[in-house]
Amino acid sequence: MSATNKSKLLATTAVLSDVLKNAGTATATELTLATKAIADETIATYPNYPADSSGTNIFLEIPATTVAAAVSDPTATSYSTHSCSGSSTRP
């Protein structure tokens, strides 16, 4: 697997976890679209996810408000994702 594909897979997995936790009663389609939208933005911001631009491993914390916004409008161009730098047990 290429580094780019690995980053996409890891970001999508991390985002999906938070979307499932915070999405409430969203449908499967809404979950899919919200996850894709947030993961795409995550990869645009952190193309080497799970590392930031300095090479430090990070983990994402996606607030419920971000998930709600993505479920409501997955075509929005910007979501507020929070990352915490430092070593992490979460990829």
N, C-alpha and C. Protein backbone atom coordinates (compact mmCIF):
# COMPACT_ATOMS: atom_id res chain seq x y z
N MET A 1 0.85 -1.17 0.00
CA MET A 1 0.00 0.00 0.00
C MET A 1 0.89 1.23 0.00
N SER A 2 0.57 2.18 -0.86
CA SER A 2 1.36 3.41 -0.92
C SER A 2 1.17 4.24 0.34
N ALA A 3 2.11 5.13 0.60
CA ALA A 3 2.01 6.00 1.77
C ALA A 3 0.77 6.87 1.70
N THR A 4 0.43 7.33 0.52
CA THR A 4 -0.76 8.17 0.35
C THR A 4 -2.03 7.39 0.69
N ASN A 5 -2.13 6.18 0.17
CA ASN A 5 -3.31 5.37 0.48
C ASN A 5 -3.37 4.98 1.95
N LYS A 6 -2.22 4.72 2.54
CA LYS A 6 -2.18 4.39 3.97
C LYS A 6 -2.67 5.57 4.80
N SER A 7 -2.23 6.79 4.45
CA SER A 7 -2.68 7.98 5.17
C SER A 7 -4.19 8.15 5.04
N LYS A 8 -4.72 7.94 3.83
CA LYS A 8 -6.17 8.06 3.63
C LYS A 8 -6.93 7.03 4.45
N LEU A 9 -6.44 5.80 4.46
CA LEU A 9 -7.09 4.74 5.22
C LEU A 9 -7.08 5.06 6.72
N LEU A 10 -5.94 5.47 7.24
CA LEU A 10 -5.84 5.78 8.66
C LEU A 10 -6.71 6.97 9.04
N ALA A 11 -6.71 8.00 8.21
CA ALA A 11 -7.54 9.18 8.49
C ALA A 11 -9.02 8.82 8.45
N THR A 12 -9.43 8.07 7.45
CA THR A 12 -10.83 7.68 7.33
C THR A 12 -11.27 6.84 8.52
N THR A 13 -10.42 5.94 8.97
CA THR A 13 -10.74 5.11 10.12
C THR A 13 -10.90 5.95 11.38
N ALA A 14 -9.96 6.88 11.59
CA ALA A 14 -10.06 7.75 12.77
C ALA A 14 -11.31 8.62 12.72
N VAL A 15 -11.60 9.17 11.56
CA VAL A 15 -12.78 10.02 11.41
C VAL A 15 -14.04 9.20 11.60
N LEU A 16 -14.12 8.04 10.99
CA LEU A 16 -15.31 7.20 11.12
C LEU A 16 -15.61 6.90 12.58
N SER A 17 -14.59 6.61 13.35
CA SER A 17 -14.79 6.33 14.76
C SER A 17 -15.50 7.48 15.47
N ASP A 18 -15.02 8.70 15.24
CA ASP A 18 -15.64 9.86 15.88
C ASP A 18 -17.02 10.17 15.31
N VAL A 19 -17.20 9.96 14.01
CA VAL A 19 -18.51 10.19 13.40
C VAL A 19 -19.53 9.23 14.01
N LEU A 20 -19.18 7.95 14.11
CA LEU A 20 -20.11 6.98 14.69
C LEU A 20 -20.45 7.33 16.14
N LYS A 21 -19.46 7.82 16.87
CA LYS A 21 -19.67 8.18 18.27
C LYS A 21 -20.58 9.40 18.42
N ASN A 22 -20.49 10.33 17.49
CA ASN A 22 -21.16 11.62 17.65
C ASN A 22 -22.34 11.89 16.71
N ALA A 23 -22.70 10.95 15.86
CA ALA A 23 -23.68 11.23 14.81
C ALA A 23 -25.13 11.06 15.23
N GLY A 24 -25.38 10.53 16.40
CA GLY A 24 -26.77 10.38 16.84
C GLY A 24 -27.54 9.44 15.95
N THR A 25 -28.60 9.94 15.36
CA THR A 25 -29.50 9.09 14.56
C THR A 25 -29.28 9.24 13.06
N ALA A 26 -28.10 9.60 12.64
CA ALA A 26 -27.82 9.76 11.22
C ALA A 26 -28.00 8.43 10.48
N THR A 27 -28.41 8.55 9.23
CA THR A 27 -28.57 7.36 8.39
C THR A 27 -27.20 6.87 7.92
N ALA A 28 -27.17 5.68 7.36
CA ALA A 28 -25.92 5.13 6.83
C ALA A 28 -25.34 6.03 5.74
N THR A 29 -26.20 6.56 4.90
CA THR A 29 -25.73 7.46 3.84
C THR A 29 -25.16 8.74 4.43
N GLU A 30 -25.82 9.29 5.43
CA GLU A 30 -25.31 10.50 6.08
C GLU A 30 -23.97 10.24 6.76
N LEU A 31 -23.84 9.08 7.41
CA LEU A 31 -22.58 8.71 8.05
C LEU A 31 -21.46 8.62 7.02
N THR A 32 -21.76 7.99 5.90
CA THR A 32 -20.77 7.82 4.83
C THR A 32 -20.31 9.16 4.28
N LEU A 33 -21.27 10.01 3.95
CA LEU A 33 -20.93 11.31 3.36
C LEU A 33 -20.20 12.21 4.35
N ALA A 34 -20.61 12.19 5.61
CA ALA A 34 -19.94 13.00 6.62
C ALA A 34 -18.52 12.51 6.85
N THR A 35 -18.34 11.21 6.93
CA THR A 35 -17.01 10.64 7.13
C THR A 35 -16.09 11.01 5.97
N LYS A 36 -16.58 10.86 4.75
CA LYS A 36 -15.77 11.19 3.58
C LYS A 36 -15.39 12.67 3.58
N ALA A 37 -16.34 13.54 3.88
CA ALA A 37 -16.07 14.97 3.86
C ALA A 37 -15.01 15.35 4.89
N ILE A 38 -15.14 14.85 6.11
CA ILE A 38 -14.18 15.19 7.16
C ILE A 38 -12.83 14.54 6.88
N ALA A 39 -12.83 13.30 6.41
CA ALA A 39 -11.57 12.62 6.11
C ALA A 39 -10.84 13.31 4.96
N ASP A 40 -11.58 13.76 3.94
CA ASP A 40 -10.94 14.47 2.83
C ASP A 40 -10.28 15.75 3.33
N GLU A 41 -10.94 16.47 4.21
CA GLU A 41 -10.35 17.69 4.75
C GLU A 41 -9.15 17.36 5.64
N THR A 42 -9.24 16.28 6.38
CA THR A 42 -8.13 15.87 7.23
C THR A 42 -6.90 15.58 6.38
N ILE A 43 -7.07 14.86 5.29
CA ILE A 43 -5.95 14.53 4.40
C ILE A 43 -5.42 15.79 3.71
N ALA A 44 -6.30 16.72 3.39
CA ALA A 44 -5.83 17.98 2.79
C ALA A 44 -4.97 18.77 3.78
N THR A 45 -5.35 18.70 5.06
CA THR A 45 -4.60 19.42 6.09
C THR A 45 -3.36 18.65 6.53
N TYR A 46 -3.48 17.35 6.64
CA TYR A 46 -2.39 16.48 7.10
C TYR A 46 -2.15 15.38 6.06
N PRO A 47 -1.49 15.69 4.95
CA PRO A 47 -1.33 14.68 3.89
C PRO A 47 -0.53 13.45 4.31
N ASN A 48 0.23 13.57 5.37
CA ASN A 48 1.02 12.43 5.87
C ASN A 48 0.42 11.83 7.13
N TYR A 49 -0.89 12.02 7.33
CA TYR A 49 -1.57 11.50 8.52
C TYR A 49 -1.17 10.04 8.71
N PRO A 50 -0.81 9.65 9.91
CA PRO A 50 -1.02 10.24 11.21
C PRO A 50 0.08 11.19 11.68
N ALA A 51 0.92 11.67 10.77
CA ALA A 51 1.95 12.63 11.16
C ALA A 51 1.58 14.02 10.66
N ASP A 52 1.99 15.02 11.39
CA ASP A 52 1.79 16.39 10.93
C ASP A 52 2.97 16.78 10.04
N SER A 53 3.03 18.04 9.63
CA SER A 53 4.06 18.46 8.69
C SER A 53 5.47 18.36 9.25
N SER A 54 5.61 18.32 10.57
CA SER A 54 6.94 18.18 11.18
C SER A 54 7.32 16.72 11.41
N GLY A 55 6.40 15.80 11.10
CA GLY A 55 6.66 14.38 11.30
C GLY A 55 6.22 13.84 12.64
N THR A 56 5.63 14.70 13.47
CA THR A 56 5.15 14.28 14.77
C THR A 56 3.80 13.58 14.62
N ASN A 57 3.66 12.42 15.22
CA ASN A 57 2.37 11.73 15.17
C ASN A 57 1.32 12.52 15.92
N ILE A 58 0.14 12.56 15.35
CA ILE A 58 -0.99 13.27 15.95
C ILE A 58 -2.18 12.33 16.02
N PHE A 59 -3.18 12.73 16.75
CA PHE A 59 -4.46 12.04 16.70
C PHE A 59 -5.54 13.10 16.61
N LEU A 60 -6.65 12.73 16.03
CA LEU A 60 -7.74 13.66 15.80
C LEU A 60 -8.77 13.56 16.91
N GLU A 61 -9.31 14.67 17.26
CA GLU A 61 -10.50 14.73 18.11
C GLU A 61 -11.52 15.56 17.34
N ILE A 62 -12.54 14.91 16.88
CA ILE A 62 -13.54 15.60 16.07
C ILE A 62 -14.76 15.83 16.93
N PRO A 63 -15.06 17.10 17.22
CA PRO A 63 -16.17 17.41 18.12
C PRO A 63 -17.53 17.07 17.50
N ALA A 64 -18.50 16.86 18.36
CA ALA A 64 -19.86 16.54 17.91
C ALA A 64 -20.40 17.62 17.00
N THR A 65 -20.03 18.88 17.24
CA THR A 65 -20.53 19.97 16.39
C THR A 65 -20.01 19.84 14.96
N THR A 66 -18.78 19.37 14.82
CA THR A 66 -18.23 19.16 13.48
C THR A 66 -18.95 18.02 12.78
N VAL A 67 -19.21 16.95 13.50
CA VAL A 67 -19.93 15.81 12.92
C VAL A 67 -21.33 16.26 12.51
N ALA A 68 -22.01 17.00 13.38
CA ALA A 68 -23.36 17.47 13.05
C ALA A 68 -23.35 18.35 11.81
N ALA A 69 -22.35 19.21 11.69
CA ALA A 69 -22.25 20.07 10.51
C ALA A 69 -22.02 19.25 9.25
N ALA A 70 -21.18 18.23 9.33
CA ALA A 70 -20.91 17.39 8.17
C ALA A 70 -22.10 16.52 7.80
N VAL A 71 -22.83 16.06 8.79
CA VAL A 71 -24.05 15.28 8.51
C VAL A 71 -25.08 16.18 7.85
N SER A 72 -25.20 17.40 8.35
CA SER A 72 -26.17 18.36 7.82
C SER A 72 -25.82 18.79 6.40
N ASP A 73 -24.53 19.04 6.14
CA ASP A 73 -24.10 19.51 4.82
C ASP A 73 -22.72 18.97 4.50
N PRO A 74 -22.65 17.77 3.94
CA PRO A 74 -21.34 17.18 3.64
C PRO A 74 -20.61 17.89 2.50
N THR A 75 -21.27 18.83 1.82
CA THR A 75 -20.61 19.56 0.74
C THR A 75 -19.95 20.84 1.21
N ALA A 76 -20.08 21.16 2.49
CA ALA A 76 -19.41 22.35 3.03
C ALA A 76 -17.91 22.21 2.80
N THR A 77 -17.23 23.31 2.70
CA THR A 77 -15.82 23.26 2.34
C THR A 77 -14.88 23.28 3.53
N SER A 78 -15.39 23.49 4.72
CA SER A 78 -14.50 23.55 5.86
C SER A 78 -15.18 23.03 7.12
N TYR A 79 -14.49 22.16 7.82
CA TYR A 79 -14.98 21.65 9.08
C TYR A 79 -13.93 21.91 10.13
N SER A 80 -14.37 22.11 11.34
CA SER A 80 -13.44 22.36 12.44
C SER A 80 -13.01 21.03 13.03
N THR A 81 -11.82 20.58 12.65
CA THR A 81 -11.27 19.37 13.25
C THR A 81 -10.17 19.78 14.22
N HIS A 82 -10.08 19.07 15.27
CA HIS A 82 -9.08 19.36 16.28
C HIS A 82 -8.07 18.23 16.28
N SER A 83 -6.82 18.59 16.34
CA SER A 83 -5.79 17.56 16.46
C SER A 83 -4.96 17.84 17.69
N CYS A 84 -4.43 16.80 18.23
CA CYS A 84 -3.54 16.92 19.38
C CYS A 84 -2.21 16.34 18.96
N SER A 85 -1.17 17.12 19.07
CA SER A 85 0.16 16.64 18.71
C SER A 85 0.74 15.80 19.83
N GLY A 86 1.71 15.02 19.47
CA GLY A 86 2.40 14.20 20.45
C GLY A 86 2.22 12.74 20.14
N SER A 87 2.94 11.93 20.83
CA SER A 87 2.82 10.50 20.59
C SER A 87 1.44 10.03 21.02
N SER A 88 0.99 9.05 20.33
CA SER A 88 -0.38 8.58 20.54
C SER A 88 -0.46 7.09 20.37
N THR A 89 -1.37 6.48 21.08
CA THR A 89 -1.63 5.06 20.87
C THR A 89 -2.64 4.88 19.78
N ARG A 90 -3.27 5.95 19.37
CA ARG A 90 -4.28 5.89 18.32
C ARG A 90 -3.64 6.34 17.02
N PRO A 91 -3.73 5.55 15.95
CA PRO A 91 -3.09 5.93 14.69
C PRO A 91 -3.77 7.13 14.07
